[in-house]
Amino acid sequence: MIVKSVAMQAYQNALKIQQDALTGKTGPTAKKAAPQSGFMDALKGNIEKVNDMQMEKNSLVTSFAAGKEHNVHELMISLQKAGLAMSMTSAVRNKIMASYSELTKMPF
């Protein structure tokens, strides 16, 4: 799931920072992690994953309606995953749009 991988990565990064602080590697000699990707790359990747979930959901619904597939559990799980991913994506979009709106209101 999209959120799970991002949350796990953030948790692992926080754990590494805490361990480095405990071992004393917080000085200028500490190795800094190279940036993996930018915000735009992460956003594009997550949108592609949401799109893949929607496509999988559509194919499962089509095969179930045609009588080819009889696994209702897998169908319902796919529907819930796709719905939750779409809800999270629209929540992120709404936050980005609200932030942009606030930035445009700021006097410079």
N, C-alpha and C. Protein backbone atom coordinates (compact mmCIF):
# COMPACT_ATOMS: atom_id res chain seq x y z
N MET A 1 0.84 -1.17 0.00
CA MET A 1 0.00 0.00 0.00
C MET A 1 0.89 1.23 0.00
N ILE A 2 0.42 2.27 -0.59
CA ILE A 2 1.20 3.49 -0.76
C ILE A 2 1.57 4.11 0.57
N VAL A 3 0.59 4.29 1.41
CA VAL A 3 0.81 4.96 2.69
C VAL A 3 1.72 4.13 3.57
N LYS A 4 1.57 2.83 3.53
CA LYS A 4 2.36 1.95 4.38
C LYS A 4 3.85 2.07 4.05
N SER A 5 4.20 2.09 2.76
CA SER A 5 5.61 2.17 2.39
C SER A 5 6.22 3.52 2.77
N VAL A 6 5.47 4.59 2.62
CA VAL A 6 5.97 5.91 3.00
C VAL A 6 6.13 6.00 4.51
N ALA A 7 5.14 5.47 5.24
CA ALA A 7 5.20 5.50 6.70
C ALA A 7 6.37 4.66 7.21
N MET A 8 6.58 3.49 6.61
CA MET A 8 7.70 2.64 7.04
C MET A 8 9.03 3.30 6.75
N GLN A 9 9.14 3.96 5.61
CA GLN A 9 10.38 4.64 5.27
C GLN A 9 10.65 5.79 6.25
N ALA A 10 9.63 6.53 6.60
CA ALA A 10 9.80 7.62 7.56
C ALA A 10 10.18 7.07 8.93
N TYR A 11 9.57 5.96 9.33
CA TYR A 11 9.88 5.33 10.61
C TYR A 11 11.34 4.85 10.63
N GLN A 12 11.78 4.23 9.54
CA GLN A 12 13.15 3.73 9.48
C GLN A 12 14.16 4.88 9.49
N ASN A 13 13.82 5.98 8.80
CA ASN A 13 14.71 7.15 8.81
C ASN A 13 14.82 7.75 10.21
N ALA A 14 13.68 7.83 10.91
CA ALA A 14 13.69 8.37 12.27
C ALA A 14 14.49 7.48 13.20
N LEU A 15 14.36 6.17 13.03
CA LEU A 15 15.13 5.23 13.85
C LEU A 15 16.62 5.39 13.60
N LYS A 16 17.01 5.55 12.34
CA LYS A 16 18.42 5.71 12.02
C LYS A 16 18.98 7.00 12.61
N ILE A 17 18.20 8.07 12.54
CA ILE A 17 18.64 9.35 13.12
C ILE A 17 18.82 9.22 14.62
N GLN A 18 17.88 8.53 15.26
CA GLN A 18 17.97 8.35 16.71
C GLN A 18 19.18 7.49 17.07
N GLN A 19 19.44 6.43 16.32
CA GLN A 19 20.59 5.58 16.60
C GLN A 19 21.89 6.34 16.37
N ASP A 20 21.94 7.17 15.32
CA ASP A 20 23.13 7.97 15.07
C ASP A 20 23.37 8.96 16.21
N ALA A 21 22.29 9.52 16.74
CA ALA A 21 22.42 10.48 17.84
C ALA A 21 22.93 9.77 19.10
N LEU A 22 22.48 8.54 19.33
CA LEU A 22 22.93 7.79 20.50
C LEU A 22 24.39 7.36 20.39
N THR A 23 24.85 7.05 19.19
CA THR A 23 26.22 6.61 19.01
C THR A 23 27.18 7.77 18.80
N GLY A 24 26.65 8.98 18.68
CA GLY A 24 27.50 10.16 18.56
C GLY A 24 27.89 10.50 17.15
N LYS A 25 27.15 10.02 16.17
CA LYS A 25 27.47 10.31 14.78
C LYS A 25 26.72 11.53 14.26
N THR A 26 26.49 12.50 15.11
CA THR A 26 25.72 13.67 14.69
C THR A 26 26.61 14.81 14.23
N GLY A 27 27.88 14.65 14.30
CA GLY A 27 28.81 15.72 13.91
C GLY A 27 28.96 15.82 12.41
N PRO A 28 29.91 16.66 11.97
CA PRO A 28 30.11 16.85 10.53
C PRO A 28 30.68 15.62 9.83
N THR A 29 31.21 14.65 10.60
CA THR A 29 31.75 13.44 9.97
C THR A 29 30.69 12.41 9.68
N ALA A 30 29.48 12.63 10.16
CA ALA A 30 28.41 11.67 9.92
C ALA A 30 28.02 11.70 8.44
N LYS A 31 27.77 10.51 7.90
CA LYS A 31 27.35 10.42 6.51
C LYS A 31 25.90 10.85 6.39
N LYS A 32 25.65 11.67 5.40
CA LYS A 32 24.28 12.09 5.15
C LYS A 32 23.70 11.24 4.03
N ALA A 33 22.47 10.84 4.20
CA ALA A 33 21.82 10.01 3.20
C ALA A 33 21.56 10.85 1.95
N ALA A 34 21.84 10.26 0.81
CA ALA A 34 21.59 10.95 -0.46
C ALA A 34 20.08 11.01 -0.68
N PRO A 35 19.59 12.13 -1.18
CA PRO A 35 18.15 12.21 -1.43
C PRO A 35 17.75 11.17 -2.47
N GLN A 36 16.71 10.42 -2.13
CA GLN A 36 16.29 9.34 -3.02
C GLN A 36 15.55 9.89 -4.24
N SER A 37 14.65 10.79 -4.01
CA SER A 37 13.94 11.41 -5.11
C SER A 37 13.23 12.64 -4.59
N GLY A 38 12.79 13.46 -5.51
CA GLY A 38 12.11 14.68 -5.12
C GLY A 38 10.63 14.43 -4.85
N PHE A 39 9.98 15.48 -4.40
CA PHE A 39 8.56 15.39 -4.09
C PHE A 39 7.76 15.06 -5.34
N MET A 40 8.13 15.65 -6.46
CA MET A 40 7.39 15.43 -7.70
C MET A 40 7.50 13.98 -8.15
N ASP A 41 8.69 13.39 -8.02
CA ASP A 41 8.87 11.98 -8.40
C ASP A 41 8.05 11.07 -7.50
N ALA A 42 8.04 11.36 -6.20
CA ALA A 42 7.26 10.55 -5.27
C ALA A 42 5.77 10.68 -5.56
N LEU A 43 5.33 11.88 -5.88
CA LEU A 43 3.92 12.10 -6.19
C LEU A 43 3.52 11.37 -7.46
N LYS A 44 4.36 11.45 -8.49
CA LYS A 44 4.06 10.75 -9.74
C LYS A 44 4.02 9.23 -9.53
N GLY A 45 4.98 8.72 -8.77
CA GLY A 45 5.01 7.28 -8.50
C GLY A 45 3.78 6.81 -7.75
N ASN A 46 3.36 7.59 -6.77
CA ASN A 46 2.18 7.20 -6.00
C ASN A 46 0.91 7.31 -6.82
N ILE A 47 0.83 8.29 -7.69
CA ILE A 47 -0.35 8.41 -8.56
C ILE A 47 -0.40 7.23 -9.52
N GLU A 48 0.75 6.80 -10.01
CA GLU A 48 0.78 5.63 -10.89
C GLU A 48 0.33 4.38 -10.14
N LYS A 49 0.73 4.25 -8.87
CA LYS A 49 0.29 3.10 -8.07
C LYS A 49 -1.22 3.13 -7.87
N VAL A 50 -1.78 4.30 -7.60
CA VAL A 50 -3.23 4.43 -7.43
C VAL A 50 -3.93 4.07 -8.73
N ASN A 51 -3.38 4.51 -9.85
CA ASN A 51 -3.96 4.18 -11.14
C ASN A 51 -3.93 2.67 -11.39
N ASP A 52 -2.81 2.03 -11.01
CA ASP A 52 -2.72 0.58 -11.16
C ASP A 52 -3.77 -0.14 -10.30
N MET A 53 -3.99 0.37 -9.10
CA MET A 53 -5.02 -0.23 -8.23
C MET A 53 -6.40 -0.07 -8.85
N GLN A 54 -6.67 1.08 -9.44
CA GLN A 54 -7.96 1.31 -10.09
C GLN A 54 -8.14 0.38 -11.29
N MET A 55 -7.09 0.19 -12.06
CA MET A 55 -7.15 -0.71 -13.22
C MET A 55 -7.38 -2.15 -12.78
N GLU A 56 -6.69 -2.57 -11.69
CA GLU A 56 -6.88 -3.92 -11.17
C GLU A 56 -8.32 -4.11 -10.69
N LYS A 57 -8.85 -3.09 -10.01
CA LYS A 57 -10.23 -3.14 -9.52
C LYS A 57 -11.19 -3.28 -10.69
N ASN A 58 -10.98 -2.49 -11.74
CA ASN A 58 -11.86 -2.54 -12.90
C ASN A 58 -11.82 -3.91 -13.58
N SER A 59 -10.64 -4.49 -13.68
CA SER A 59 -10.53 -5.80 -14.32
C SER A 59 -11.19 -6.89 -13.48
N LEU A 60 -11.05 -6.80 -12.15
CA LEU A 60 -11.70 -7.79 -11.28
C LEU A 60 -13.22 -7.65 -11.33
N VAL A 61 -13.73 -6.42 -11.36
CA VAL A 61 -15.17 -6.20 -11.44
C VAL A 61 -15.70 -6.74 -12.77
N THR A 62 -14.98 -6.48 -13.84
CA THR A 62 -15.41 -6.94 -15.16
C THR A 62 -15.42 -8.46 -15.23
N SER A 63 -14.38 -9.10 -14.73
CA SER A 63 -14.33 -10.56 -14.76
C SER A 63 -15.38 -11.19 -13.85
N PHE A 64 -15.67 -10.53 -12.72
CA PHE A 64 -16.71 -11.04 -11.82
C PHE A 64 -18.09 -10.90 -12.46
N ALA A 65 -18.33 -9.76 -13.12
CA ALA A 65 -19.63 -9.54 -13.76
C ALA A 65 -19.83 -10.49 -14.94
N ALA A 66 -18.73 -10.86 -15.61
CA ALA A 66 -18.83 -11.78 -16.74
C ALA A 66 -18.94 -13.23 -16.29
N GLY A 67 -18.76 -13.49 -15.00
CA GLY A 67 -18.86 -14.85 -14.49
C GLY A 67 -17.58 -15.64 -14.57
N LYS A 68 -16.48 -15.01 -14.95
CA LYS A 68 -15.19 -15.70 -15.06
C LYS A 68 -14.57 -15.92 -13.70
N GLU A 69 -14.76 -14.99 -12.80
CA GLU A 69 -14.14 -15.02 -11.47
C GLU A 69 -15.22 -15.13 -10.42
N HIS A 70 -14.99 -15.99 -9.42
CA HIS A 70 -15.97 -16.17 -8.35
C HIS A 70 -15.39 -15.87 -6.98
N ASN A 71 -14.25 -15.23 -6.92
CA ASN A 71 -13.60 -14.91 -5.65
C ASN A 71 -14.08 -13.54 -5.17
N VAL A 72 -15.14 -13.54 -4.37
CA VAL A 72 -15.74 -12.31 -3.88
C VAL A 72 -14.81 -11.61 -2.89
N HIS A 73 -14.07 -12.38 -2.11
CA HIS A 73 -13.19 -11.79 -1.10
C HIS A 73 -12.10 -10.94 -1.76
N GLU A 74 -11.49 -11.49 -2.80
CA GLU A 74 -10.45 -10.75 -3.50
C GLU A 74 -11.02 -9.49 -4.16
N LEU A 75 -12.21 -9.61 -4.70
CA LEU A 75 -12.88 -8.47 -5.32
C LEU A 75 -13.14 -7.37 -4.30
N MET A 76 -13.66 -7.72 -3.14
CA MET A 76 -13.98 -6.73 -2.11
C MET A 76 -12.70 -6.08 -1.56
N ILE A 77 -11.66 -6.86 -1.38
CA ILE A 77 -10.38 -6.31 -0.89
C ILE A 77 -9.82 -5.32 -1.91
N SER A 78 -9.91 -5.69 -3.19
CA SER A 78 -9.43 -4.79 -4.24
C SER A 78 -10.25 -3.50 -4.28
N LEU A 79 -11.56 -3.61 -4.10
CA LEU A 79 -12.42 -2.42 -4.07
C LEU A 79 -12.05 -1.51 -2.92
N GLN A 80 -11.82 -2.08 -1.75
CA GLN A 80 -11.48 -1.28 -0.58
C GLN A 80 -10.11 -0.62 -0.73
N LYS A 81 -9.13 -1.37 -1.26
CA LYS A 81 -7.79 -0.81 -1.46
C LYS A 81 -7.84 0.37 -2.42
N ALA A 82 -8.54 0.18 -3.54
CA ALA A 82 -8.62 1.23 -4.54
C ALA A 82 -9.37 2.45 -4.00
N GLY A 83 -10.43 2.21 -3.25
CA GLY A 83 -11.20 3.32 -2.68
C GLY A 83 -10.39 4.11 -1.66
N LEU A 84 -9.67 3.40 -0.80
CA LEU A 84 -8.85 4.07 0.20
C LEU A 84 -7.69 4.84 -0.44
N ALA A 85 -7.07 4.23 -1.44
CA ALA A 85 -5.98 4.91 -2.14
C ALA A 85 -6.48 6.18 -2.82
N MET A 86 -7.66 6.11 -3.42
CA MET A 86 -8.21 7.29 -4.08
C MET A 86 -8.57 8.37 -3.06
N SER A 87 -9.10 7.97 -1.92
CA SER A 87 -9.42 8.93 -0.86
C SER A 87 -8.17 9.63 -0.35
N MET A 88 -7.12 8.86 -0.13
CA MET A 88 -5.86 9.45 0.34
C MET A 88 -5.27 10.38 -0.71
N THR A 89 -5.37 10.00 -1.98
CA THR A 89 -4.84 10.84 -3.05
C THR A 89 -5.59 12.16 -3.12
N SER A 90 -6.92 12.10 -3.00
CA SER A 90 -7.68 13.36 -3.05
C SER A 90 -7.44 14.20 -1.81
N ALA A 91 -7.18 13.57 -0.66
CA ALA A 91 -6.86 14.33 0.55
C ALA A 91 -5.53 15.06 0.38
N VAL A 92 -4.55 14.40 -0.21
CA VAL A 92 -3.25 15.04 -0.46
C VAL A 92 -3.42 16.18 -1.45
N ARG A 93 -4.21 15.95 -2.51
CA ARG A 93 -4.46 17.00 -3.49
C ARG A 93 -5.12 18.21 -2.83
N ASN A 94 -6.10 17.96 -1.97
CA ASN A 94 -6.78 19.06 -1.30
C ASN A 94 -5.83 19.85 -0.40
N LYS A 95 -4.92 19.16 0.29
CA LYS A 95 -3.95 19.84 1.14
C LYS A 95 -2.98 20.68 0.29
N ILE A 96 -2.57 20.14 -0.84
CA ILE A 96 -1.66 20.87 -1.73
C ILE A 96 -2.36 22.12 -2.26
N MET A 97 -3.61 21.98 -2.66
CA MET A 97 -4.35 23.13 -3.20
C MET A 97 -4.58 24.18 -2.11
N ALA A 98 -4.87 23.75 -0.89
CA ALA A 98 -5.06 24.70 0.20
C ALA A 98 -3.75 25.42 0.51
N SER A 99 -2.64 24.70 0.48
CA SER A 99 -1.33 25.32 0.72
C SER A 99 -1.01 26.34 -0.37
N TYR A 100 -1.29 25.97 -1.61
CA TYR A 100 -1.05 26.89 -2.72
C TYR A 100 -1.90 28.15 -2.57
N SER A 101 -3.14 27.95 -2.17
CA SER A 101 -4.04 29.10 -1.97
C SER A 101 -3.51 30.03 -0.88
N GLU A 102 -3.02 29.45 0.21
CA GLU A 102 -2.44 30.25 1.29
C GLU A 102 -1.18 30.99 0.83
N LEU A 103 -0.38 30.34 0.03
CA LEU A 103 0.85 30.98 -0.48
C LEU A 103 0.53 32.15 -1.40
N THR A 104 -0.51 32.02 -2.20
CA THR A 104 -0.84 33.11 -3.11
C THR A 104 -1.44 34.30 -2.36
N LYS A 105 -1.96 34.07 -1.18
CA LYS A 105 -2.53 35.17 -0.38
C LYS A 105 -1.47 35.94 0.39
N MET A 106 -0.27 35.38 0.53
CA MET A 106 0.79 36.03 1.29
C MET A 106 1.34 37.24 0.56
N PRO A 107 1.51 38.34 1.29
CA PRO A 107 2.11 39.51 0.65
C PRO A 107 3.64 39.37 0.65
N PHE A 108 4.25 39.75 -0.46
CA PHE A 108 5.71 39.69 -0.55
C PHE A 108 6.27 41.06 -0.75
